[in-house]
N, C-alpha and C. Protein backbone atom coordinates (compact mmCIF):
# COMPACT_ATOMS: atom_id res chain seq x y z
N UNK A 1 6.93 -9.66 11.97
CA UNK A 1 6.47 -10.77 11.04
C UNK A 1 7.65 -11.15 10.25
N UNK A 2 8.07 -12.40 10.04
CA UNK A 2 9.23 -12.89 9.33
C UNK A 2 8.74 -12.61 7.89
N UNK A 3 9.39 -12.65 6.96
CA UNK A 3 9.09 -12.62 5.70
C UNK A 3 9.34 -14.04 5.08
N UNK A 4 8.25 -14.75 4.55
CA UNK A 4 8.34 -16.11 4.21
C UNK A 4 8.78 -16.16 2.56
N UNK A 5 9.66 -16.68 2.03
CA UNK A 5 9.82 -16.78 1.09
C UNK A 5 10.03 -18.27 0.13
N UNK A 6 9.72 -19.15 1.20
CA UNK A 6 9.74 -20.70 0.97
C UNK A 6 8.95 -21.16 -0.03
N UNK A 7 7.68 -20.68 -0.03
CA UNK A 7 6.78 -20.63 -1.22
C UNK A 7 7.04 -20.14 -2.31
N UNK A 8 7.67 -19.06 -2.31
CA UNK A 8 8.17 -18.36 -3.92
C UNK A 8 9.38 -19.67 -4.35
N UNK A 9 10.18 -19.91 -3.86
CA UNK A 9 11.12 -20.48 -4.28
C UNK A 9 10.73 -21.96 -4.77
N UNK A 10 9.74 -22.72 -4.22
CA UNK A 10 9.03 -23.64 -4.60
C UNK A 10 8.25 -23.54 -5.76
N UNK A 11 7.84 -22.52 -6.16
CA UNK A 11 7.07 -22.10 -7.39
C UNK A 11 8.22 -21.85 -8.52
N UNK A 12 9.14 -21.28 -8.01
CA UNK A 12 10.14 -20.87 -9.05
C UNK A 12 10.88 -22.32 -9.83
N UNK A 13 10.95 -23.07 -8.84
CA UNK A 13 11.73 -24.30 -9.53
C UNK A 13 10.33 -25.17 -10.38
N UNK A 14 9.37 -25.06 -10.07
CA UNK A 14 8.66 -25.99 -10.95
C UNK A 14 7.46 -25.18 -11.87
N UNK A 15 7.44 -23.78 -11.88
CA UNK A 15 6.33 -23.25 -12.50
C UNK A 15 7.30 -22.01 -12.99
N UNK A 16 8.34 -22.31 -13.64
CA UNK A 16 9.06 -21.16 -14.08
C UNK A 16 8.53 -20.61 -15.60
N UNK A 17 7.70 -21.48 -16.18
CA UNK A 17 7.34 -21.01 -17.55
C UNK A 17 5.59 -20.68 -17.42
N UNK A 18 5.11 -20.79 -16.09
CA UNK A 18 3.87 -20.28 -15.71
C UNK A 18 3.50 -19.10 -15.26
N UNK A 19 2.34 -18.56 -14.89
CA UNK A 19 1.82 -17.20 -14.74
C UNK A 19 2.52 -16.71 -13.38
N UNK A 20 2.59 -17.85 -12.32
CA UNK A 20 3.11 -17.26 -11.02
C UNK A 20 4.67 -17.15 -10.84
N UNK A 21 5.20 -17.15 -12.13
CA UNK A 21 6.82 -16.60 -12.01
C UNK A 21 7.17 -15.59 -11.83
N UNK A 22 8.08 -15.12 -11.06
CA UNK A 22 8.49 -13.93 -10.55
C UNK A 22 9.84 -13.42 -11.34
N UNK A 23 10.06 -12.23 -11.89
CA UNK A 23 11.29 -11.76 -12.64
C UNK A 23 11.69 -10.34 -11.82
N UNK A 24 12.86 -10.67 -11.34
CA UNK A 24 13.56 -9.56 -10.54
C UNK A 24 13.70 -8.10 -11.18
N UNK A 25 13.17 -7.90 -12.27
CA UNK A 25 13.27 -6.56 -13.10
C UNK A 25 12.15 -6.26 -13.63
N UNK A 26 11.69 -4.62 -12.88
CA UNK A 26 10.49 -4.24 -13.69
C UNK A 26 10.49 -3.69 -14.76
N UNK A 27 9.35 -3.08 -15.36
CA UNK A 27 9.26 -2.91 -16.78
C UNK A 27 9.76 -1.58 -16.91
N UNK A 28 10.16 -1.01 -18.14
CA UNK A 28 10.82 0.16 -18.20
C UNK A 28 9.61 1.32 -17.75
N UNK A 29 8.45 1.02 -18.01
CA UNK A 29 7.23 2.03 -17.46
C UNK A 29 6.54 1.31 -16.68
N UNK A 30 5.89 1.84 -15.73
CA UNK A 30 4.95 0.96 -15.10
C UNK A 30 3.98 1.88 -14.68
N UNK A 31 2.73 1.18 -14.03
CA UNK A 31 1.69 1.81 -13.53
C UNK A 31 1.99 2.10 -12.32
N UNK A 32 1.10 3.06 -11.63
CA UNK A 32 1.38 3.57 -10.15
C UNK A 32 0.05 4.40 -9.73
N UNK A 33 0.20 4.29 -8.42
CA UNK A 33 -0.86 5.22 -7.83
C UNK A 33 -0.69 6.67 -8.43
N UNK A 34 -1.52 7.44 -7.99
CA UNK A 34 -1.78 8.91 -8.10
C UNK A 34 -0.23 9.38 -7.67
N UNK A 35 0.14 10.18 -8.16
CA UNK A 35 1.48 10.76 -7.55
C UNK A 35 1.27 11.49 -6.39
N UNK A 36 2.08 11.26 -5.12
CA UNK A 36 2.06 12.23 -3.87
C UNK A 36 2.66 13.60 -4.16
N UNK A 37 2.34 14.30 -3.02
CA UNK A 37 3.07 15.97 -2.99
C UNK A 37 4.68 15.45 -3.18
N UNK A 38 5.08 16.47 -3.43
CA UNK A 38 6.90 16.56 -3.74
C UNK A 38 7.35 16.55 -2.17
N UNK A 39 8.54 16.05 -1.99
CA UNK A 39 9.27 16.01 -0.71
C UNK A 39 8.97 17.17 0.04
N UNK A 40 9.46 18.59 -0.56
CA UNK A 40 9.22 19.70 -0.05
C UNK A 40 7.93 19.72 0.76
N UNK A 41 6.77 19.54 0.03
CA UNK A 41 5.22 19.90 0.26
C UNK A 41 5.23 18.72 1.31
N UNK A 42 5.49 17.33 1.13
CA UNK A 42 5.41 16.55 2.41
C UNK A 42 5.86 17.09 3.52
N UNK A 43 7.40 17.77 3.46
CA UNK A 43 7.88 18.20 4.79
C UNK A 43 6.90 19.13 5.59
N UNK A 44 6.04 19.90 4.69
CA UNK A 44 5.33 21.03 5.13
C UNK A 44 4.08 20.04 5.91
N UNK A 45 3.64 19.04 5.18
CA UNK A 45 2.52 18.47 5.60
C UNK A 45 2.89 18.03 6.99
N UNK A 46 3.87 17.47 6.71
CA UNK A 46 4.24 16.51 8.20
C UNK A 46 4.40 17.51 9.07
N UNK A 47 4.88 18.79 9.11
CA UNK A 47 4.88 19.85 10.09
C UNK A 47 3.45 20.14 10.49
N UNK A 48 2.59 19.96 9.99
CA UNK A 48 0.83 20.43 10.16
C UNK A 48 0.34 19.31 11.08
N UNK A 49 1.14 17.74 11.03
CA UNK A 49 0.32 16.91 11.53
C UNK A 49 0.62 16.85 13.12
N UNK A 50 -0.50 16.65 13.84
CA UNK A 50 -0.58 16.45 15.46
C UNK A 50 0.39 15.34 15.76
N UNK A 51 1.28 15.83 16.89
CA UNK A 51 2.19 14.46 17.27
C UNK A 51 1.41 14.08 18.63
N UNK A 52 1.19 12.71 18.31
CA UNK A 52 0.38 12.43 19.63
C UNK A 52 0.78 10.98 19.69
N UNK A 53 0.88 10.30 20.84
CA UNK A 53 1.16 8.69 21.18
C UNK A 53 -0.02 8.09 20.53
N UNK A 54 0.15 6.81 19.97
CA UNK A 54 -0.83 6.19 19.58
C UNK A 54 -1.83 5.52 20.39
N UNK A 55 -3.11 5.42 20.02
CA UNK A 55 -4.06 4.81 20.89
C UNK A 55 -3.97 3.37 20.72
N UNK A 56 -4.93 2.70 21.31
CA UNK A 56 -4.97 1.56 21.66
C UNK A 56 -5.49 0.74 20.54
N UNK A 57 -5.93 -0.63 20.32
CA UNK A 57 -6.54 -1.37 18.93
C UNK A 57 -8.00 -1.84 19.54
N UNK A 58 -8.25 -1.22 20.91
CA UNK A 58 -9.59 -1.38 21.60
C UNK A 58 -10.65 -1.26 20.67
N UNK A 59 -11.85 -2.10 20.24
CA UNK A 59 -12.53 -2.13 19.36
C UNK A 59 -12.23 -2.19 17.77
N UNK A 60 -11.14 -2.37 17.52
CA UNK A 60 -10.65 -2.12 16.10
C UNK A 60 -10.82 -3.48 15.40
N UNK A 61 -11.79 -3.62 14.09
CA UNK A 61 -11.86 -4.50 13.42
C UNK A 61 -11.54 -4.15 11.87
N UNK A 62 -10.95 -5.06 10.83
CA UNK A 62 -11.24 -4.60 9.54
C UNK A 62 -12.53 -4.10 8.93
N UNK A 63 -13.61 -4.81 9.72
CA UNK A 63 -14.95 -4.85 9.34
C UNK A 63 -15.29 -3.38 9.10
N UNK A 64 -14.64 -2.42 10.26
CA UNK A 64 -15.17 -1.24 10.41
C UNK A 64 -14.45 -0.29 9.29
N UNK A 65 -13.87 -0.70 8.46
CA UNK A 65 -13.17 -0.25 7.42
C UNK A 65 -13.71 -0.92 6.12
N UNK A 66 -14.96 -0.77 5.71
CA UNK A 66 -15.60 -1.46 4.67
C UNK A 66 -14.50 -1.32 3.23
N UNK A 67 -14.11 -2.46 3.00
CA UNK A 67 -13.06 -2.22 1.77
C UNK A 67 -13.37 -3.28 0.43
N UNK A 68 -12.87 -2.94 -0.32
CA UNK A 68 -12.92 -3.58 -1.93
C UNK A 68 -14.57 -3.37 -2.01
N UNK A 69 -14.95 -1.97 -1.73
CA UNK A 69 -16.39 -1.84 -2.56
C UNK A 69 -16.69 -1.83 -3.99
N UNK A 70 -17.67 -2.04 -4.26
CA UNK A 70 -17.78 -1.78 -5.70
C UNK A 70 -17.73 -0.40 -6.22
N UNK A 71 -16.87 -0.42 -7.32
CA UNK A 71 -16.57 1.08 -8.10
C UNK A 71 -17.24 1.30 -9.04
N UNK A 72 -17.47 0.36 -9.91
CA UNK A 72 -18.12 0.51 -11.19
C UNK A 72 -18.48 -0.61 -11.49
N UNK A 73 -19.89 -0.92 -12.19
CA UNK A 73 -20.21 -2.32 -12.59
C UNK A 73 -20.08 -3.31 -11.63
N UNK A 74 -19.17 -4.35 -12.20
CA UNK A 74 -18.91 -5.58 -11.21
C UNK A 74 -17.75 -5.28 -10.68
N UNK A 75 -16.75 -4.06 -11.09
CA UNK A 75 -15.49 -4.12 -10.43
C UNK A 75 -15.43 -3.43 -9.17
N UNK A 76 -14.65 -4.12 -8.16
CA UNK A 76 -14.41 -3.28 -6.63
C UNK A 76 -13.08 -2.65 -6.66
N UNK A 77 -12.74 -2.37 -5.64
CA UNK A 77 -11.66 -1.46 -5.21
C UNK A 77 -10.33 -2.05 -5.79
N UNK A 78 -10.45 -3.49 -5.15
CA UNK A 78 -9.13 -4.47 -5.67
C UNK A 78 -8.58 -4.37 -6.95
N UNK A 79 -9.98 -4.85 -8.11
CA UNK A 79 -9.90 -5.09 -9.14
C UNK A 79 -9.32 -3.80 -10.03
N UNK A 80 -9.91 -2.68 -9.39
CA UNK A 80 -9.64 -1.40 -10.16
C UNK A 80 -8.12 -1.08 -9.92
N UNK A 81 -7.60 -1.38 -8.58
CA UNK A 81 -6.15 -1.00 -8.44
C UNK A 81 -5.26 -2.17 -9.50
N UNK A 82 -5.81 -3.23 -9.16
CA UNK A 82 -5.04 -4.30 -10.18
C UNK A 82 -5.00 -3.87 -11.57
N UNK A 83 -5.87 -3.31 -11.93
CA UNK A 83 -6.02 -3.12 -13.57
C UNK A 83 -5.03 -1.72 -13.63
N UNK A 84 -5.12 -0.87 -12.65
CA UNK A 84 -4.51 0.56 -12.89
C UNK A 84 -3.05 0.12 -12.87
N UNK A 85 -2.78 -0.51 -11.82
CA UNK A 85 -1.17 -0.62 -11.28
C UNK A 85 -0.16 -1.68 -12.50
N UNK A 86 -1.62 -2.54 -13.21
CA UNK A 86 -0.57 -3.53 -13.93
C UNK A 86 -0.70 -3.23 -15.32
N UNK A 87 0.14 -4.01 -16.00
CA UNK A 87 0.23 -4.24 -17.50
C UNK A 87 -0.33 -5.02 -18.30
N UNK A 88 -0.89 -4.73 -19.06
CA UNK A 88 -1.78 -5.64 -20.33
C UNK A 88 -2.52 -6.35 -19.48
N UNK A 89 -3.31 -6.14 -18.56
CA UNK A 89 -4.40 -6.70 -17.64
C UNK A 89 -5.36 -7.11 -18.36
N UNK A 90 -5.99 -8.28 -18.39
CA UNK A 90 -6.99 -8.79 -18.89
C UNK A 90 -7.96 -9.28 -17.74
N UNK A 91 -9.40 -8.69 -17.99
CA UNK A 91 -10.31 -8.88 -17.00
C UNK A 91 -11.52 -9.83 -17.60
N UNK A 92 -12.12 -10.68 -16.49
CA UNK A 92 -13.10 -11.27 -16.99
C UNK A 92 -14.44 -10.80 -17.00
N UNK A 93 -15.58 -11.33 -17.12
CA UNK A 93 -16.92 -10.75 -17.02
C UNK A 93 -17.30 -10.11 -15.56
N UNK A 94 -16.60 -10.80 -14.61
CA UNK A 94 -16.84 -10.43 -13.16
C UNK A 94 -16.07 -9.38 -12.94
N UNK A 95 -14.98 -9.09 -13.69
CA UNK A 95 -13.78 -7.79 -13.38
C UNK A 95 -12.44 -8.64 -12.81
N UNK A 96 -12.48 -9.83 -12.55
CA UNK A 96 -11.18 -10.42 -11.87
C UNK A 96 -10.16 -10.51 -13.16
N UNK A 97 -9.09 -10.15 -12.51
CA UNK A 97 -7.79 -10.16 -13.47
C UNK A 97 -7.46 -11.56 -13.38
N UNK A 98 -7.66 -11.95 -14.91
CA UNK A 98 -7.13 -13.15 -15.52
C UNK A 98 -5.31 -13.30 -16.06
N UNK A 99 -5.27 -12.17 -16.38
CA UNK A 99 -3.94 -12.37 -16.70
C UNK A 99 -3.38 -10.89 -16.77
N UNK A 100 -1.94 -10.75 -17.21
CA UNK A 100 -1.52 -9.37 -16.68
C UNK A 100 -0.14 -9.37 -15.93
N UNK A 101 0.49 -8.48 -15.99
CA UNK A 101 1.82 -8.43 -15.19
C UNK A 101 1.96 -7.14 -14.24
N UNK A 102 2.35 -7.20 -12.83
CA UNK A 102 2.42 -6.37 -11.64
C UNK A 102 3.82 -6.43 -11.24
N UNK A 103 4.47 -5.13 -11.41
CA UNK A 103 5.55 -4.78 -11.03
C UNK A 103 5.38 -3.97 -9.31
N UNK A 104 6.39 -4.68 -8.34
CA UNK A 104 5.94 -4.37 -6.98
C UNK A 104 7.23 -3.38 -6.81
N UNK A 105 7.05 -2.19 -6.51
CA UNK A 105 8.14 -1.14 -6.32
C UNK A 105 8.81 -1.10 -4.88
N UNK A 106 8.26 -1.79 -4.04
CA UNK A 106 8.45 -2.03 -2.76
C UNK A 106 9.71 -3.13 -2.54
N UNK A 107 9.59 -4.21 -3.89
CA UNK A 107 11.13 -5.12 -3.75
C UNK A 107 11.32 -5.30 -5.40
N UNK A 108 11.11 -4.65 -6.27
CA UNK A 108 11.40 -4.80 -7.36
C UNK A 108 11.14 -6.16 -7.85
N UNK A 109 9.82 -6.84 -7.66
CA UNK A 109 9.81 -8.17 -8.20
C UNK A 109 8.52 -7.82 -9.28
N UNK A 110 8.21 -8.55 -10.23
CA UNK A 110 7.42 -8.52 -11.09
C UNK A 110 6.66 -9.84 -11.24
N UNK A 111 5.43 -9.94 -10.99
CA UNK A 111 4.63 -10.97 -10.89
C UNK A 111 3.56 -10.99 -12.30
N UNK A 112 2.95 -12.21 -12.36
CA UNK A 112 2.25 -12.49 -13.59
C UNK A 112 1.23 -13.46 -13.56
N UNK A 113 0.68 -13.37 -12.08
CA UNK A 113 -0.60 -13.90 -11.16
C UNK A 113 -1.38 -13.13 -10.60
N UNK A 114 -2.21 -12.77 -10.66
CA UNK A 114 -2.70 -11.56 -9.74
C UNK A 114 -2.81 -12.05 -8.19
N UNK A 115 -3.01 -13.24 -7.90
CA UNK A 115 -2.81 -14.21 -6.66
C UNK A 115 -1.49 -13.86 -5.82
N UNK A 116 -0.77 -13.46 -6.76
CA UNK A 116 0.52 -13.15 -5.89
C UNK A 116 0.74 -11.77 -5.35
N UNK A 117 -0.24 -11.03 -5.84
CA UNK A 117 -0.28 -9.69 -5.55
C UNK A 117 -1.39 -9.08 -4.47
N UNK A 118 -0.88 -8.44 -3.33
CA UNK A 118 -1.80 -7.89 -2.66
C UNK A 118 -1.86 -6.23 -2.95
N UNK A 119 -3.03 -5.55 -2.31
CA UNK A 119 -3.43 -4.09 -2.41
C UNK A 119 -3.09 -3.74 -1.11
N UNK A 120 -1.71 -3.15 -1.37
CA UNK A 120 -1.42 -2.54 0.36
C UNK A 120 -2.36 -1.34 0.55
N UNK A 121 -2.73 -1.06 1.71
CA UNK A 121 -2.89 0.19 2.32
C UNK A 121 -1.92 1.13 2.73
N UNK A 122 -1.02 1.74 1.97
CA UNK A 122 -0.11 2.44 2.48
C UNK A 122 0.03 2.63 4.08
N UNK A 123 -1.05 3.44 4.57
CA UNK A 123 -1.57 3.84 5.87
C UNK A 123 -2.34 2.59 6.19
N UNK A 124 -1.72 1.74 7.06
CA UNK A 124 -2.76 0.55 7.51
C UNK A 124 -3.78 0.74 8.12
N UNK A 125 -5.02 -0.03 7.93
CA UNK A 125 -6.27 0.31 8.74
C UNK A 125 -6.14 0.35 10.30
N UNK A 126 -5.45 -0.73 10.59
CA UNK A 126 -5.15 -0.76 12.22
C UNK A 126 -4.08 0.30 12.65
N UNK A 127 -3.18 1.03 11.75
CA UNK A 127 -2.41 2.14 11.96
C UNK A 127 -3.62 3.37 12.20
N UNK A 128 -4.36 3.59 11.09
CA UNK A 128 -5.41 4.67 11.21
C UNK A 128 -6.32 4.45 12.29
N UNK A 129 -6.46 3.26 12.56
CA UNK A 129 -7.39 3.36 13.89
C UNK A 129 -6.76 3.99 15.14
N UNK A 130 -5.64 3.76 15.43
CA UNK A 130 -4.59 4.17 16.46
C UNK A 130 -4.38 5.45 16.20
N UNK A 131 -4.66 6.01 15.09
CA UNK A 131 -4.15 7.64 14.97
C UNK A 131 -5.31 8.43 15.06
N UNK A 132 -6.68 7.79 14.87
CA UNK A 132 -7.77 8.89 15.10
C UNK A 132 -8.83 8.45 14.66
N UNK A 133 -8.76 7.21 13.54
CA UNK A 133 -9.94 6.96 12.92
C UNK A 133 -10.89 6.05 13.55
N UNK A 134 -10.47 5.91 14.76
CA UNK A 134 -11.31 5.00 15.84
C UNK A 134 -12.52 5.91 16.23
N UNK A 135 -12.63 6.98 16.04
CA UNK A 135 -13.65 8.14 16.11
C UNK A 135 -14.31 8.76 15.09
N UNK A 136 -13.81 8.00 13.97
CA UNK A 136 -14.63 8.50 12.32
C UNK A 136 -15.81 7.68 12.37
N UNK A 137 -16.47 8.41 11.49
CA UNK A 137 -17.82 7.62 11.19
C UNK A 137 -17.47 6.24 10.11
N UNK A 138 -18.18 5.58 9.78
CA UNK A 138 -17.98 4.32 8.97
C UNK A 138 -17.58 4.66 7.66
N UNK A 139 -18.32 5.86 7.31
CA UNK A 139 -18.45 6.27 5.83
C UNK A 139 -17.09 6.84 5.63
N UNK A 140 -16.27 7.34 6.41
CA UNK A 140 -15.25 8.04 6.64
C UNK A 140 -13.89 6.90 6.68
N UNK A 141 -14.27 6.00 7.19
CA UNK A 141 -13.33 5.16 7.17
C UNK A 141 -13.15 4.05 6.01
N UNK A 142 -14.53 4.09 5.30
CA UNK A 142 -14.71 3.21 4.12
C UNK A 142 -13.73 4.02 2.99
N UNK A 143 -14.02 5.27 3.13
CA UNK A 143 -13.31 6.31 1.92
C UNK A 143 -11.75 5.95 2.30
N UNK A 144 -11.07 6.01 3.37
CA UNK A 144 -9.93 5.90 3.34
C UNK A 144 -9.39 4.28 3.03
N UNK A 145 -10.04 3.42 3.42
CA UNK A 145 -9.76 2.13 2.77
C UNK A 145 -10.09 2.06 1.59
N UNK A 146 -10.63 3.03 0.48
CA UNK A 146 -10.86 2.60 -0.92
C UNK A 146 -10.60 3.77 -1.77
N UNK A 147 -9.55 4.40 -0.99
CA UNK A 147 -9.28 5.70 -1.53
C UNK A 147 -8.23 5.62 -2.92
N UNK A 148 -8.98 5.85 -4.05
CA UNK A 148 -8.05 5.97 -5.32
C UNK A 148 -7.68 7.39 -5.75
N UNK A 149 -8.05 8.33 -5.12
CA UNK A 149 -7.72 9.62 -5.62
C UNK A 149 -6.65 10.10 -4.93
N UNK A 150 -5.89 9.31 -3.86
CA UNK A 150 -4.73 9.50 -3.44
C UNK A 150 -3.72 8.24 -3.30
N UNK A 151 -2.40 8.46 -2.77
CA UNK A 151 -1.41 7.36 -3.14
C UNK A 151 -1.78 6.66 -1.78
N UNK A 152 -2.94 5.84 -1.62
CA UNK A 152 -2.98 5.18 -0.22
C UNK A 152 -3.24 3.38 -0.92
N UNK A 153 -3.19 3.38 -1.90
CA UNK A 153 -3.71 1.87 -2.18
C UNK A 153 -2.65 1.44 -3.27
N UNK A 154 -1.80 0.53 -3.53
CA UNK A 154 -0.70 0.16 -4.29
C UNK A 154 -0.49 -1.58 -4.48
N UNK A 155 -0.37 -1.91 -5.57
CA UNK A 155 -0.37 -3.47 -5.77
C UNK A 155 1.24 -3.41 -5.57
N UNK A 156 1.58 -4.73 -4.60
CA UNK A 156 2.66 -5.20 -4.37
C UNK A 156 2.77 -6.75 -4.12
N UNK A 157 4.13 -7.15 -3.95
CA UNK A 157 4.01 -8.51 -3.62
C UNK A 157 3.45 -8.83 -2.42
N UNK A 158 2.57 -10.07 -2.38
CA UNK A 158 1.83 -10.37 -0.99
C UNK A 158 2.71 -10.70 0.13
N UNK A 159 3.84 -11.34 -0.01
CA UNK A 159 4.50 -11.57 1.03
C UNK A 159 5.41 -10.38 1.79
N UNK A 160 5.76 -9.27 0.93
CA UNK A 160 6.11 -8.02 1.29
C UNK A 160 4.98 -7.42 2.10
N UNK A 161 3.88 -7.20 1.64
CA UNK A 161 2.76 -6.52 2.46
C UNK A 161 2.79 -7.29 3.55
N UNK A 162 2.33 -8.72 3.97
CA UNK A 162 2.56 -9.24 4.98
C UNK A 162 3.36 -8.99 6.00
N UNK A 163 4.70 -9.02 5.27
CA UNK A 163 5.77 -8.72 6.45
C UNK A 163 5.66 -7.17 6.98
N UNK A 164 4.87 -6.41 6.21
CA UNK A 164 4.61 -4.91 6.74
C UNK A 164 3.76 -4.93 7.84
N UNK A 165 2.71 -5.49 7.73
CA UNK A 165 1.45 -5.60 8.46
C UNK A 165 0.81 -4.36 9.02
N UNK A 166 0.66 -3.73 10.14
CA UNK A 166 0.34 -2.57 10.66
C UNK A 166 1.36 -1.66 10.85
N UNK A 167 2.61 -1.74 10.65
CA UNK A 167 3.65 -0.86 10.96
C UNK A 167 3.87 0.02 10.36
N UNK A 168 4.39 1.17 11.23
CA UNK A 168 4.51 2.58 10.52
C UNK A 168 5.87 2.87 10.15
N UNK A 169 6.38 3.81 9.44
CA UNK A 169 7.65 4.02 8.91
C UNK A 169 8.60 3.75 9.99
N UNK A 170 8.69 3.91 11.23
CA UNK A 170 9.62 3.84 12.18
C UNK A 170 10.07 2.50 12.58
N UNK A 171 9.22 1.54 12.22
CA UNK A 171 9.35 0.02 12.26
C UNK A 171 9.49 -0.90 11.19
N UNK A 172 9.00 0.04 9.88
CA UNK A 172 9.03 -1.00 8.44
C UNK A 172 8.94 -0.14 7.73
N UNK A 173 9.82 -0.40 6.29
CA UNK A 173 9.96 0.30 5.20
C UNK A 173 10.26 -0.67 3.93
N UNK A 174 9.85 -0.07 2.89
CA UNK A 174 9.94 -1.13 1.90
C UNK A 174 11.22 -1.58 1.53
N UNK A 175 11.87 -2.90 0.82
CA UNK A 175 13.02 -3.29 1.17
C UNK A 175 13.92 -2.84 0.42
N UNK A 176 13.37 -2.01 -0.90
CA UNK A 176 14.20 -1.21 -2.06
C UNK A 176 14.38 0.23 -1.39
N UNK A 177 15.49 0.55 -0.79
CA UNK A 177 15.97 1.75 -0.20
C UNK A 177 15.41 2.84 -1.00
N UNK A 178 15.38 2.84 -2.42
CA UNK A 178 15.34 3.72 -3.25
C UNK A 178 13.73 4.23 -3.48
N UNK A 179 12.78 3.38 -2.78
CA UNK A 179 11.37 3.87 -2.90
C UNK A 179 11.19 4.70 -1.34
N UNK A 180 12.10 4.64 -0.62
CA UNK A 180 11.67 4.92 0.84
C UNK A 180 10.97 6.86 0.59
N UNK A 181 11.71 7.38 -0.50
CA UNK A 181 11.13 8.65 -0.47
C UNK A 181 9.84 9.00 -0.77
N UNK A 182 9.41 8.19 -1.72
CA UNK A 182 8.06 7.82 -2.42
C UNK A 182 7.48 7.48 -1.43
N UNK A 183 7.73 6.16 -0.71
CA UNK A 183 6.82 5.93 0.21
C UNK A 183 6.37 6.91 1.50
N UNK A 184 7.57 7.54 1.91
CA UNK A 184 7.33 8.56 3.03
C UNK A 184 6.11 9.82 2.66
N UNK A 185 6.49 10.19 0.96
CA UNK A 185 5.60 11.26 0.49
C UNK A 185 4.13 10.76 0.78
N UNK A 186 4.17 9.50 0.17
CA UNK A 186 2.52 8.69 0.09
C UNK A 186 1.96 8.62 1.70
N UNK A 187 2.75 8.17 2.62
CA UNK A 187 2.38 7.97 3.89
C UNK A 187 1.94 9.47 4.20
N UNK A 188 2.51 10.27 4.34
CA UNK A 188 2.42 11.82 4.84
C UNK A 188 0.97 12.62 4.09
N UNK A 189 1.08 12.23 2.90
CA UNK A 189 -0.19 12.74 2.22
C UNK A 189 -1.40 12.21 2.64
N UNK A 190 -1.56 10.86 2.82
CA UNK A 190 -2.64 10.28 3.49
C UNK A 190 -2.84 10.67 4.59
N UNK A 191 -1.98 10.90 5.65
CA UNK A 191 -2.29 11.20 6.92
C UNK A 191 -2.81 12.47 7.14
N UNK A 192 -2.04 13.48 6.32
CA UNK A 192 -2.39 14.97 6.35
C UNK A 192 -3.97 15.08 5.87
N UNK A 193 -4.03 14.42 4.32
CA UNK A 193 -5.71 14.56 3.98
C UNK A 193 -6.66 14.24 5.05
N UNK A 194 -6.21 13.15 5.68
CA UNK A 194 -7.53 12.78 6.60
C UNK A 194 -7.30 13.18 7.98
N UNK A 195 -6.23 14.08 8.30
CA UNK A 195 -6.11 14.54 9.82
C UNK A 195 -5.86 13.48 10.87
N UNK A 196 -5.27 12.55 10.33
CA UNK A 196 -4.66 11.52 11.37
C UNK A 196 -3.28 12.23 12.08
N UNK A 197 -3.26 11.40 13.43
CA UNK A 197 -1.80 11.94 13.97
C UNK A 197 -0.68 10.89 13.70
N UNK A 198 0.50 11.38 14.31
CA UNK A 198 1.38 10.81 14.04
C UNK A 198 2.31 10.70 15.39
N UNK A 199 2.64 9.74 15.71
CA UNK A 199 3.66 9.59 17.10
C UNK A 199 5.32 10.12 16.64
N UNK A 200 5.85 10.28 17.86
CA UNK A 200 7.32 11.14 17.85
C UNK A 200 7.97 10.24 16.93
N UNK A 201 8.36 8.98 17.26
CA UNK A 201 9.00 8.06 16.64
C UNK A 201 8.60 8.00 14.95
N UNK A 202 7.58 8.05 14.59
CA UNK A 202 7.10 7.92 13.21
C UNK A 202 7.26 9.16 12.80
N UNK A 203 7.25 10.13 13.32
CA UNK A 203 7.51 11.64 12.57
C UNK A 203 8.90 11.75 12.41
N UNK A 204 9.97 11.23 13.66
CA UNK A 204 11.29 11.32 13.44
C UNK A 204 11.80 10.49 12.15
N UNK A 205 11.38 9.41 11.89
CA UNK A 205 11.77 8.51 10.83
C UNK A 205 11.28 9.21 9.40
N UNK A 206 10.01 9.82 9.51
CA UNK A 206 9.52 10.40 7.94
C UNK A 206 10.42 11.88 7.91
N UNK A 207 10.45 12.30 9.00
CA UNK A 207 11.55 13.71 8.70
C UNK A 207 12.62 13.24 8.06
N UNK A 208 13.58 12.15 8.61
CA UNK A 208 14.78 11.80 8.21
C UNK A 208 14.75 11.32 6.87
N UNK A 209 13.84 10.63 6.19
CA UNK A 209 13.62 10.15 5.18
C UNK A 209 13.50 11.50 4.16
N UNK A 210 12.36 12.36 4.38
CA UNK A 210 12.19 13.40 3.40
C UNK A 210 13.25 14.35 3.64
N UNK A 211 14.05 14.66 4.36
CA UNK A 211 15.19 15.46 4.34
C UNK A 211 16.21 14.90 3.28
N UNK A 212 16.22 13.73 3.35
CA UNK A 212 17.22 13.24 2.28
C UNK A 212 16.56 12.86 1.00
N UNK A 213 15.70 13.32 0.59
CA UNK A 213 14.97 13.08 -0.69
C UNK A 213 15.58 14.07 -1.73
């Protein structure tokens, strides 16, 4: 999928002083998902994963991974991640983020409107389905889709998330190369914890990244 930035360019021209403006440098200290295992541990985890050709998407639906479930009060998973990953986030009575700042490590952009931010499933739901989740219970798929304990959810620029789609690291990596090591560690942690498989190209890509960390 092509990355579409035309909408951003238009916004920058007319909304420089408003909440949707992007700044290309992140804050000195940023909020982030739980820290994944070290590169050394991730290499061990990767060696323990079953290598298998990806399955098909037959029967797949995002509805089979119930997500953005209620976490507490009126707050769902998306709002919890926006609060966690943002800076000076203000939420209204329904827990919706009405102001704040979000730094996207995938592309080193900072956004000041929650509408410009997606919550990325590091291991995409469709990828999980092809890697073994098609045989899971709905409750286990829900756990993956709303996992706040591991580095499976992260607030990033919406267009960048959309460019990723359901691709694995042999097909797509964050535009910022300096984040590749962290991304590989995150990916392997999730696949290892949930017992998902990797295909040969995916494992090769992850090995190359982790060996260079």
